[in-house]
C-alpha atoms as a PDB file:
ATOM      1  CA  MET A   1      -5.796 -28.155  -5.727  1.00  0.00           C
ATOM      2  CA  LYS A   2      -5.286 -26.274  -8.132  1.00  0.00           C
ATOM      3  CA  LEU A   3      -5.994 -22.249  -7.587  1.00  0.00           C
ATOM      4  CA  GLN A   4      -5.064 -19.277 -10.044  1.00  0.00           C
ATOM      5  CA  ASN A   5      -2.320 -16.762  -9.295  1.00  0.00           C
ATOM      6  CA  PHE A   6      -2.422 -13.602 -11.265  1.00  0.00           C
ATOM      7  CA  GLN A   7       0.486 -10.871 -10.446  1.00  0.00           C
ATOM      8  CA  ILE A   8       0.061  -7.519 -10.842  1.00  0.00           C
ATOM      9  CA  ASP A   9       1.940  -4.199 -10.923  1.00  0.00           C
ATOM     10  CA  VAL A  10       0.077  -1.277  -9.118  1.00  0.00           C
ATOM     11  CA  PHE A  11       0.421   2.248  -9.154  1.00  0.00           C
ATOM     12  CA  THR A  12       1.711   2.506 -12.564  1.00  0.00           C
ATOM     13  CA  GLU A  13       1.460   2.088 -16.229  1.00  0.00           C
ATOM     14  CA  ASN A  14       4.489   0.058 -17.166  1.00  0.00           C
ATOM     15  CA  VAL A  15       5.285  -3.263 -15.969  1.00  0.00           C
ATOM     16  CA  PHE A  16       8.535  -3.555 -13.491  1.00  0.00           C
ATOM     17  CA  GLY A  17       6.990  -0.529 -12.355  1.00  0.00           C
ATOM     18  CA  GLY A  18       4.778   0.325  -9.138  1.00  0.00           C
ATOM     19  CA  ASN A  19       4.432  -2.335  -6.439  1.00  0.00           C
ATOM     20  CA  PRO A  20       3.713  -5.927  -7.548  1.00  0.00           C
ATOM     21  CA  ALA A  21       1.299  -7.704  -5.758  1.00  0.00           C
ATOM     22  CA  CYS A  22      -0.845 -10.968  -6.274  1.00  0.00           C
ATOM     23  CA  VAL A  23      -3.676 -12.264  -6.455  1.00  0.00           C
ATOM     24  CA  VAL A  24      -5.239 -15.471  -5.449  1.00  0.00           C
ATOM     25  CA  PRO A  25      -9.183 -16.061  -5.973  1.00  0.00           C
ATOM     26  CA  LEU A  26     -10.424 -18.745  -3.649  1.00  0.00           C
ATOM     27  CA  GLU A  27     -14.068 -20.768  -3.794  1.00  0.00           C
ATOM     28  CA  GLU A  28     -13.633 -20.617   0.218  1.00  0.00           C
ATOM     29  CA  TRP A  29     -11.530 -20.062   2.796  1.00  0.00           C
ATOM     30  CA  LEU A  30      -8.017 -22.640   3.008  1.00  0.00           C
ATOM     31  CA  ASP A  31      -6.644 -22.773   6.502  1.00  0.00           C
ATOM     32  CA  ASP A  32      -4.509 -19.367   7.785  1.00  0.00           C
ATOM     33  CA  SER A  33      -0.944 -21.430   7.614  1.00  0.00           C
ATOM     34  CA  LEU A  34      -1.760 -22.108   4.093  1.00  0.00           C
ATOM     35  CA  LEU A  35      -2.269 -18.604   2.957  1.00  0.00           C
ATOM     36  CA  HIS A  36       0.799 -17.712   4.942  1.00  0.00           C
ATOM     37  CA  LYS A  37       2.751 -20.561   2.563  1.00  0.00           C
ATOM     38  CA  ILE A  38       1.410 -19.478  -0.744  1.00  0.00           C
ATOM     39  CA  ALA A  39       2.273 -15.302   0.117  1.00  0.00           C
ATOM     40  CA  LEU A  40       5.907 -16.396   1.330  1.00  0.00           C
ATOM     41  CA  GLU A  41       6.308 -18.372  -1.871  1.00  0.00           C
ATOM     42  CA  ASN A  42       5.158 -15.412  -3.682  1.00  0.00           C
ATOM     43  CA  ALA A  43       7.976 -13.502  -2.074  1.00  0.00           C
ATOM     44  CA  VAL A  44       6.005 -10.309  -3.002  1.00  0.00           C
ATOM     45  CA  ALA A  45       5.327  -7.704  -0.460  1.00  0.00           C
ATOM     46  CA  GLU A  46       1.592  -8.493  -0.674  1.00  0.00           C
ATOM     47  CA  THR A  47      -0.417 -11.196  -1.572  1.00  0.00           C
ATOM     48  CA  ALA A  48      -4.131 -11.045  -1.491  1.00  0.00           C
ATOM     49  CA  PHE A  49      -6.519 -13.775  -1.302  1.00  0.00           C
ATOM     50  CA  PHE A  50     -10.660 -13.106  -1.522  1.00  0.00           C
ATOM     51  CA  VAL A  51     -14.087 -15.165  -1.846  1.00  0.00           C
ATOM     52  CA  GLU A  52     -17.265 -13.753  -3.631  1.00  0.00           C
ATOM     53  CA  GLU A  53     -20.404 -13.441  -1.318  1.00  0.00           C
ATOM     54  CA  ASP A  54     -23.277 -11.655  -2.808  1.00  0.00           C
ATOM     55  CA  ASN A  55     -21.471  -9.708  -5.238  1.00  0.00           C
ATOM     56  CA  ILE A  56     -19.525  -8.739  -2.518  1.00  0.00           C
ATOM     57  CA  TYR A  57     -15.922  -9.718  -2.082  1.00  0.00           C
ATOM     58  CA  ASN A  58     -14.706 -11.006   1.761  1.00  0.00           C
ATOM     59  CA  LEU A  59     -10.374 -10.030   0.960  1.00  0.00           C
ATOM     60  CA  ARG A  60      -7.285 -10.162   2.856  1.00  0.00           C
ATOM     61  CA  TRP A  61      -3.823  -9.552   2.609  1.00  0.00           C
ATOM     62  CA  PHE A  62      -0.844 -11.357   3.769  1.00  0.00           C
ATOM     63  CA  THR A  63       3.127 -10.279   3.698  1.00  0.00           C
ATOM     64  CA  PRO A  64       5.174 -12.850   3.833  1.00  0.00           C
ATOM     65  CA  GLU A  65       5.264 -12.660   7.299  1.00  0.00           C
ATOM     66  CA  ILE A  66       1.746 -11.687   8.072  1.00  0.00           C
ATOM     67  CA  GLU A  67      -1.766 -11.001   7.996  1.00  0.00           C
ATOM     68  CA  MET A  68      -2.074  -7.387   6.726  1.00  0.00           C
ATOM     69  CA  ASP A  69      -5.258  -5.041   8.438  1.00  0.00           C
ATOM     70  CA  LEU A  70      -4.992  -3.238   4.978  1.00  0.00           C
ATOM     71  CA  CYS A  71      -3.213  -2.918   2.493  1.00  0.00           C
ATOM     72  CA  GLY A  72      -3.542  -0.697  -0.878  1.00  0.00           C
ATOM     73  CA  HIS A  73      -2.072  -1.493  -3.546  1.00  0.00           C
ATOM     74  CA  ALA A  74      -3.153  -5.459  -3.165  1.00  0.00           C
ATOM     75  CA  THR A  75      -6.481  -3.753  -3.225  1.00  0.00           C
ATOM     76  CA  ILE A  76      -6.041  -2.394  -6.002  1.00  0.00           C
ATOM     77  CA  ALA A  77      -4.494  -5.648  -7.658  1.00  0.00           C
ATOM     78  CA  SER A  78      -7.649  -7.942  -6.620  1.00  0.00           C
ATOM     79  CA  ALA A  79     -10.018  -4.867  -8.602  1.00  0.00           C
ATOM     80  CA  HIS A  80      -7.621  -5.184 -11.283  1.00  0.00           C
ATOM     81  CA  ALA A  81      -8.101  -9.140 -11.187  1.00  0.00           C
ATOM     82  CA  LEU A  82     -11.486  -9.085 -11.315  1.00  0.00           C
ATOM     83  CA  LYS A  83     -12.394  -6.275 -13.774  1.00  0.00           C
ATOM     84  CA  SER A  84      -9.511  -6.879 -16.789  1.00  0.00           C
ATOM     85  CA  ILE A  85      -9.540 -10.881 -16.283  1.00  0.00           C
ATOM     86  CA  LEU A  86     -12.230 -12.441 -14.109  1.00  0.00           C
ATOM     87  CA  GLY A  87     -14.946 -10.819 -16.144  1.00  0.00           C
ATOM     88  CA  PHE A  88     -16.433  -8.521 -13.628  1.00  0.00           C
ATOM     89  CA  SER A  89     -18.692  -5.850 -15.860  1.00  0.00           C
ATOM     90  CA  GLY A  90     -19.527  -3.259 -12.847  1.00  0.00           C
ATOM     91  CA  ASP A  91     -17.364  -0.175 -12.709  1.00  0.00           C
ATOM     92  CA  ILE A  92     -17.500  -0.496  -8.395  1.00  0.00           C
ATOM     93  CA  ILE A  93     -15.976  -3.337  -6.471  1.00  0.00           C
ATOM     94  CA  ARG A  94     -17.176  -3.592  -3.048  1.00  0.00           C
ATOM     95  CA  PHE A  95     -14.806  -5.524  -0.489  1.00  0.00           C
ATOM     96  CA  ASN A  96     -15.245  -6.607   3.154  1.00  0.00           C
ATOM     97  CA  THR A  97     -11.926  -6.097   5.021  1.00  0.00           C
ATOM     98  CA  LYS A  98     -10.275  -6.083   8.801  1.00  0.00           C
ATOM     99  CA  SER A  99     -10.626  -2.844   7.482  1.00  0.00           C
ATOM    100  CA  GLY A 100     -14.497  -2.477   7.208  1.00  0.00           C
ATOM    101  CA  ASP A 101     -16.351  -2.135   3.941  1.00  0.00           C
ATOM    102  CA  LEU A 102     -13.817  -0.610   1.300  1.00  0.00           C
ATOM    103  CA  SER A 103     -14.937   0.639  -2.292  1.00  0.00           C
ATOM    104  CA  VAL A 104     -12.811   0.666  -5.639  1.00  0.00           C
ATOM    105  CA  THR A 105     -14.274   2.825  -8.520  1.00  0.00           C
ATOM    106  CA  TYR A 106     -12.824   1.922 -12.568  1.00  0.00           C
ATOM    107  CA  ASP A 107     -13.093   4.785 -14.625  1.00  0.00           C
ATOM    108  CA  GLN A 108     -10.832   5.174 -17.793  1.00  0.00           C
ATOM    109  CA  ASP A 109      -7.944   3.201 -16.731  1.00  0.00           C
ATOM    110  CA  LEU A 110      -7.759   4.618 -13.230  1.00  0.00           C
ATOM    111  CA  TYR A 111      -8.322   2.544  -9.774  1.00  0.00           C
ATOM    112  CA  THR A 112      -9.611   4.719  -7.119  1.00  0.00           C
ATOM    113  CA  MET A 113     -10.328   3.280  -3.665  1.00  0.00           C
ATOM    114  CA  ASN A 114     -12.455   4.564  -0.911  1.00  0.00           C
ATOM    115  CA  LEU A 115     -10.261   4.135   2.026  1.00  0.00           C
ATOM    116  CA  PRO A 116     -10.706   5.489   6.227  1.00  0.00           C
ATOM    117  CA  SER A 117      -8.583   8.931   6.482  1.00  0.00           C
ATOM    118  CA  ARG A 118      -5.881   7.808   9.724  1.00  0.00           C
ATOM    119  CA  LYS A 119      -4.848  11.468  10.274  1.00  0.00           C
ATOM    120  CA  PRO A 120      -1.798  11.488  12.245  1.00  0.00           C
ATOM    121  CA  VAL A 121      -0.806  13.622  15.549  1.00  0.00           C
ATOM    122  CA  LYS A 122       2.184  14.879  16.660  1.00  0.00           C
ATOM    123  CA  ALA A 123       4.382  12.548  18.611  1.00  0.00           C
ATOM    124  CA  GLU A 124       7.822  12.001  19.851  1.00  0.00           C
ATOM    125  CA  LEU A 125      10.334   9.879  17.581  1.00  0.00           C
ATOM    126  CA  PRO A 126      11.408   6.303  19.321  1.00  0.00           C
ATOM    127  CA  GLU A 127      15.083   6.458  20.121  1.00  0.00           C
ATOM    128  CA  ILE A 128      15.956   3.422  17.882  1.00  0.00           C
ATOM    129  CA  ILE A 129      14.398   5.133  14.992  1.00  0.00           C
ATOM    130  CA  GLU A 130      16.137   8.096  15.464  1.00  0.00           C
ATOM    131  CA  LYS A 131      19.400   6.518  15.317  1.00  0.00           C
ATOM    132  CA  SER A 132      18.820   4.498  12.290  1.00  0.00           C
ATOM    133  CA  LEU A 133      18.050   7.952  10.154  1.00  0.00           C
ATOM    134  CA  SER A 134      21.121   9.346   8.512  1.00  0.00           C
ATOM    135  CA  LYS A 135      19.282  13.286   8.850  1.00  0.00           C
ATOM    136  CA  GLN A 136      16.823  13.644  11.414  1.00  0.00           C
ATOM    137  CA  PRO A 137      13.595  14.912  10.366  1.00  0.00           C
ATOM    138  CA  LYS A 138      12.013  18.430  10.885  1.00  0.00           C
ATOM    139  CA  GLU A 139       8.333  17.236  11.997  1.00  0.00           C
ATOM    140  CA  ILE A 140       7.570  13.539  13.935  1.00  0.00           C
ATOM    141  CA  LEU A 141       3.867  12.534  13.473  1.00  0.00           C
ATOM    142  CA  LYS A 142       2.356   8.844  13.981  1.00  0.00           C
ATOM    143  CA  SER A 143      -1.198   7.225  13.114  1.00  0.00           C
ATOM    144  CA  ARG A 144      -0.961   3.359  12.500  1.00  0.00           C
ATOM    145  CA  ASP A 145       2.789   4.214  10.779  1.00  0.00           C
ATOM    146  CA  TYR A 146       5.238   7.395  11.656  1.00  0.00           C
ATOM    147  CA  VAL A 147       5.445   9.966   9.690  1.00  0.00           C
ATOM    148  CA  LEU A 148       8.570  11.694   9.222  1.00  0.00           C
ATOM    149  CA  VAL A 149       8.802  15.356   7.468  1.00  0.00           C
ATOM    150  CA  TYR A 150      11.332  16.542   5.673  1.00  0.00           C
ATOM    151  CA  GLU A 151      12.855  19.926   4.514  1.00  0.00           C
ATOM    152  CA  ASN A 152      12.383  18.894   0.305  1.00  0.00           C
ATOM    153  CA  GLU A 153      11.888  15.945  -1.768  1.00  0.00           C
ATOM    154  CA  ASP A 154      16.409  15.270  -2.073  1.00  0.00           C
ATOM    155  CA  ASP A 155      15.900  14.800   1.221  1.00  0.00           C
ATOM    156  CA  VAL A 156      13.609  12.330   0.921  1.00  0.00           C
ATOM    157  CA  ARG A 157      15.329  10.319  -2.344  1.00  0.00           C
ATOM    158  CA  LYS A 158      19.059  10.318  -0.235  1.00  0.00           C
ATOM    159  CA  ILE A 159      17.830   9.515   3.211  1.00  0.00           C
ATOM    160  CA  GLU A 160      19.956   6.343   4.327  1.00  0.00           C
ATOM    161  CA  ILE A 161      17.985   3.959   7.063  1.00  0.00           C
ATOM    162  CA  ASN A 162      20.347   1.584   9.009  1.00  0.00           C
ATOM    163  CA  ARG A 163      18.239  -1.466   9.250  1.00  0.00           C
ATOM    164  CA  GLN A 164      20.405  -3.479  10.985  1.00  0.00           C
ATOM    165  CA  ILE A 165      19.137  -0.948  13.618  1.00  0.00           C
ATOM    166  CA  LEU A 166      15.593  -0.155  12.775  1.00  0.00           C
ATOM    167  CA  ASP A 167      14.980  -3.965  12.884  1.00  0.00           C
ATOM    168  CA  GLN A 168      15.680  -3.582  17.086  1.00  0.00           C
ATOM    169  CA  ILE A 169      12.058  -2.788  17.093  1.00  0.00           C
ATOM    170  CA  ASN A 170       8.759  -4.100  16.397  1.00  0.00           C
ATOM    171  CA  LEU A 171       5.945  -1.825  14.928  1.00  0.00           C
ATOM    172  CA  ASP A 172       3.921  -4.377  13.379  1.00  0.00           C
ATOM    173  CA  PRO A 173       1.749  -3.994  11.602  1.00  0.00           C
ATOM    174  CA  GLY A 174       3.168  -0.513  11.097  1.00  0.00           C
ATOM    175  CA  GLY A 175       5.900   1.151   9.670  1.00  0.00           C
ATOM    176  CA  VAL A 176       7.964   3.942   8.943  1.00  0.00           C
ATOM    177  CA  ILE A 177       7.029   6.987   6.365  1.00  0.00           C
ATOM    178  CA  ILE A 178       9.468   9.988   5.196  1.00  0.00           C
ATOM    179  CA  THR A 179       7.494  12.249   3.563  1.00  0.00           C
ATOM    180  CA  ALA A 180       8.250  16.259   2.219  1.00  0.00           C
ATOM    181  CA  LYS A 181       6.539  18.608  -0.300  1.00  0.00           C
ATOM    182  CA  GLY A 182       7.474  17.712  -4.147  1.00  0.00           C
ATOM    183  CA  GLU A 183       9.082  19.217  -6.807  1.00  0.00           C
ATOM    184  CA  HIS A 184       6.632  17.993 -10.143  1.00  0.00           C
ATOM    185  CA  CYS A 185       3.865  16.573  -7.666  1.00  0.00           C
ATOM    186  CA  ASP A 186       2.155  17.276  -4.207  1.00  0.00           C
ATOM    187  CA  PHE A 187       4.196  15.293  -2.190  1.00  0.00           C
ATOM    188  CA  VAL A 188       6.959  12.550  -2.254  1.00  0.00           C
ATOM    189  CA  SER A 189       7.203   9.373   0.071  1.00  0.00           C
ATOM    190  CA  ARG A 190       9.003   6.469   0.698  1.00  0.00           C
ATOM    191  CA  PHE A 191       8.171   3.832   3.248  1.00  0.00           C
ATOM    192  CA  PHE A 192       9.692   1.035   4.977  1.00  0.00           C
ATOM    193  CA  THR A 193       8.692  -1.770   6.597  1.00  0.00           C
ATOM    194  CA  LEU A 194      10.535  -3.117  10.210  1.00  0.00           C
ATOM    195  CA  GLN A 195      11.251  -6.786  10.127  1.00  0.00           C
ATOM    196  CA  ALA A 196       9.817  -7.692   7.068  1.00  0.00           C
ATOM    197  CA  SER A 197      11.798  -9.686   3.859  1.00  0.00           C
ATOM    198  CA  ILE A 198      10.760  -6.612   1.979  1.00  0.00           C
ATOM    199  CA  PHE A 199      12.642  -3.337   4.168  1.00  0.00           C
ATOM    200  CA  GLU A 200      11.315  -0.280   1.103  1.00  0.00           C
ATOM    201  CA  ASP A 201       7.689  -1.351  -0.060  1.00  0.00           C
ATOM    202  CA  PRO A 202       8.058   0.006  -2.943  1.00  0.00           C
ATOM    203  CA  VAL A 203       4.464   1.688  -3.520  1.00  0.00           C
ATOM    204  CA  THR A 204       2.214   1.844  -0.222  1.00  0.00           C
ATOM    205  CA  GLY A 205      -1.436   2.624  -0.917  1.00  0.00           C
ATOM    206  CA  SER A 206      -2.384   2.184   3.327  1.00  0.00           C
ATOM    207  CA  ALA A 207       0.310   5.237   3.895  1.00  0.00           C
ATOM    208  CA  HIS A 208      -1.529   6.980   2.269  1.00  0.00           C
ATOM    209  CA  CYS A 209      -4.296   7.431   4.605  1.00  0.00           C
ATOM    210  CA  SER A 210      -2.787   9.628   6.722  1.00  0.00           C
ATOM    211  CA  LEU A 211      -0.048  11.035   4.324  1.00  0.00           C
ATOM    212  CA  ILE A 212      -3.831  12.670   2.470  1.00  0.00           C
ATOM    213  CA  PRO A 213      -4.988  14.442   5.551  1.00  0.00           C
ATOM    214  CA  TYR A 214      -1.744  15.764   5.981  1.00  0.00           C
ATOM    215  CA  TRP A 215      -0.984  17.231   3.151  1.00  0.00           C
ATOM    216  CA  SER A 216      -4.036  18.255   2.399  1.00  0.00           C
ATOM    217  CA  GLU A 217      -4.382  20.547   5.480  1.00  0.00           C
ATOM    218  CA  ARG A 218      -0.371  22.168   4.519  1.00  0.00           C
ATOM    219  CA  LEU A 219      -1.205  22.882   1.289  1.00  0.00           C
ATOM    220  CA  SER A 220      -4.561  23.984   1.524  1.00  0.00           C
ATOM    221  CA  LYS A 221      -5.945  21.405  -1.281  1.00  0.00           C
ATOM    222  CA  LYS A 222      -8.093  18.606  -1.691  1.00  0.00           C
ATOM    223  CA  GLU A 223      -6.806  16.861  -4.877  1.00  0.00           C
ATOM    224  CA  MET A 224      -3.526  15.872  -4.919  1.00  0.00           C
ATOM    225  CA  GLU A 225      -0.768  13.791  -7.026  1.00  0.00           C
ATOM    226  CA  ALA A 226       2.030  12.377  -5.160  1.00  0.00           C
ATOM    227  CA  LEU A 227       5.160   9.939  -6.048  1.00  0.00           C
ATOM    228  CA  GLN A 228       6.891   7.647  -3.833  1.00  0.00           C
ATOM    229  CA  LEU A 229      10.241   7.816  -4.522  1.00  0.00           C
ATOM    230  CA  SER A 230      11.423   4.013  -4.514  1.00  0.00           C
ATOM    231  CA  GLU A 231      13.615   2.279  -6.808  1.00  0.00           C
ATOM    232  CA  ARG A 232      10.047   1.747  -9.008  1.00  0.00           C
ATOM    233  CA  THR A 233       8.671   4.364  -8.271  1.00  0.00           C
ATOM    234  CA  GLY A 234       4.392   4.820  -8.362  1.00  0.00           C
ATOM    235  CA  LYS A 235       1.971   7.275  -8.926  1.00  0.00           C
ATOM    236  CA  ILE A 236      -0.466   7.884  -6.822  1.00  0.00           C
ATOM    237  CA  PHE A 237      -3.822  10.007  -7.307  1.00  0.00           C
ATOM    238  CA  CYS A 238      -5.221  11.046  -3.815  1.00  0.00           C
ATOM    239  CA  ASN A 239      -8.063  13.019  -2.391  1.00  0.00           C
ATOM    240  CA  ASP A 240      -9.708  14.232   1.174  1.00  0.00           C
ATOM    241  CA  LEU A 241     -12.861  13.830   2.040  1.00  0.00           C
ATOM    242  CA  GLY A 242     -12.615  14.504   5.800  1.00  0.00           C
ATOM    243  CA  GLU A 243     -13.290  11.392   6.974  1.00  0.00           C
ATOM    244  CA  ARG A 244     -12.347   9.219   3.690  1.00  0.00           C
ATOM    245  CA  VAL A 245      -9.678   9.279   1.237  1.00  0.00           C
ATOM    246  CA  LEU A 246      -9.676   8.325  -2.084  1.00  0.00           C
ATOM    247  CA  VAL A 247      -5.938   6.731  -3.238  1.00  0.00           C
ATOM    248  CA  GLY A 248      -5.870   5.785  -6.616  1.00  0.00           C
ATOM    249  CA  GLY A 249      -3.340   4.811  -9.305  1.00  0.00           C
ATOM    250  CA  HIS A 250      -2.983   2.296 -12.646  1.00  0.00           C
ATOM    251  CA  ALA A 251      -2.202  -1.293 -12.848  1.00  0.00           C
ATOM    252  CA  ARG A 252      -0.631  -3.555 -14.957  1.00  0.00           C
ATOM    253  CA  THR A 253      -0.411  -7.528 -15.208  1.00  0.00           C
ATOM    254  CA  TYR A 254       2.656  -8.822 -15.342  1.00  0.00           C
ATOM    255  CA  SER A 255       1.595 -12.916 -14.873  1.00  0.00           C
ATOM    256  CA  ILE A 256      -1.318 -15.308 -15.265  1.00  0.00           C
ATOM    257  CA  GLY A 257      -0.300 -18.525 -13.968  1.00  0.00           C
ATOM    258  CA  GLU A 258      -1.571 -21.368 -11.404  1.00  0.00           C
ATOM    259  CA  ILE A 259      -0.464 -22.555  -8.080  1.00  0.00           C
ATOM    260  CA  PHE A 260      -0.915 -26.832  -7.853  1.00  0.00           C
ATOM    261  CA  ILE A 261      -1.328 -27.616  -4.177  1.00  0.00           C
END
């Protein structure tokens, strides 16, 4: 069996930036065990698989360890693969996923996802997370992920997290978001996934399902620009629609290849 395999960098205008995802189009679903093996072999944060049915793409996302309920950057990667490599002619690409119906629009080189809003609420910080942090947050919230709010961008850049301590708990499928108001953008963030082969995710589209409603209320703005301050860095265009959020970014193809099984 031979499968196409595209590696695409998302939330960046340049290769080697943003967050890399692999995209594997399928004619029909393979066994989950094989999908997990492909994701593990690809060794990026997420591998997306899709099957087309009546002009809608059934989409699933796998990390090297687990299947995810939502992944933003691999959704944009899938849209980019369809649009720039596989010849999709429209400007709205519709996906059916574990998180419901999602759509991605394409306009002047920008891909924008329409995703569910996950407004975080005030929460208590588990002791293990507290012990793992080099500096404590000024505000603690939770949705799917813990959202830890800091005083300024410098705190987010310099935070040190003891992985040995943090990996003692399992937030599957959630993680820990570190965020603050930005200096040259509206807000910044970093994202950490516990017990995962890739501990710090380079750019996390799904985290903005929580970050957008939080910062929209704090800043009294609907349209915002955000940066994720990983080593690869990513730029995210944000819009708060209430029950939904728009998460946008650019994408670049890094490689086009084939898998032989």
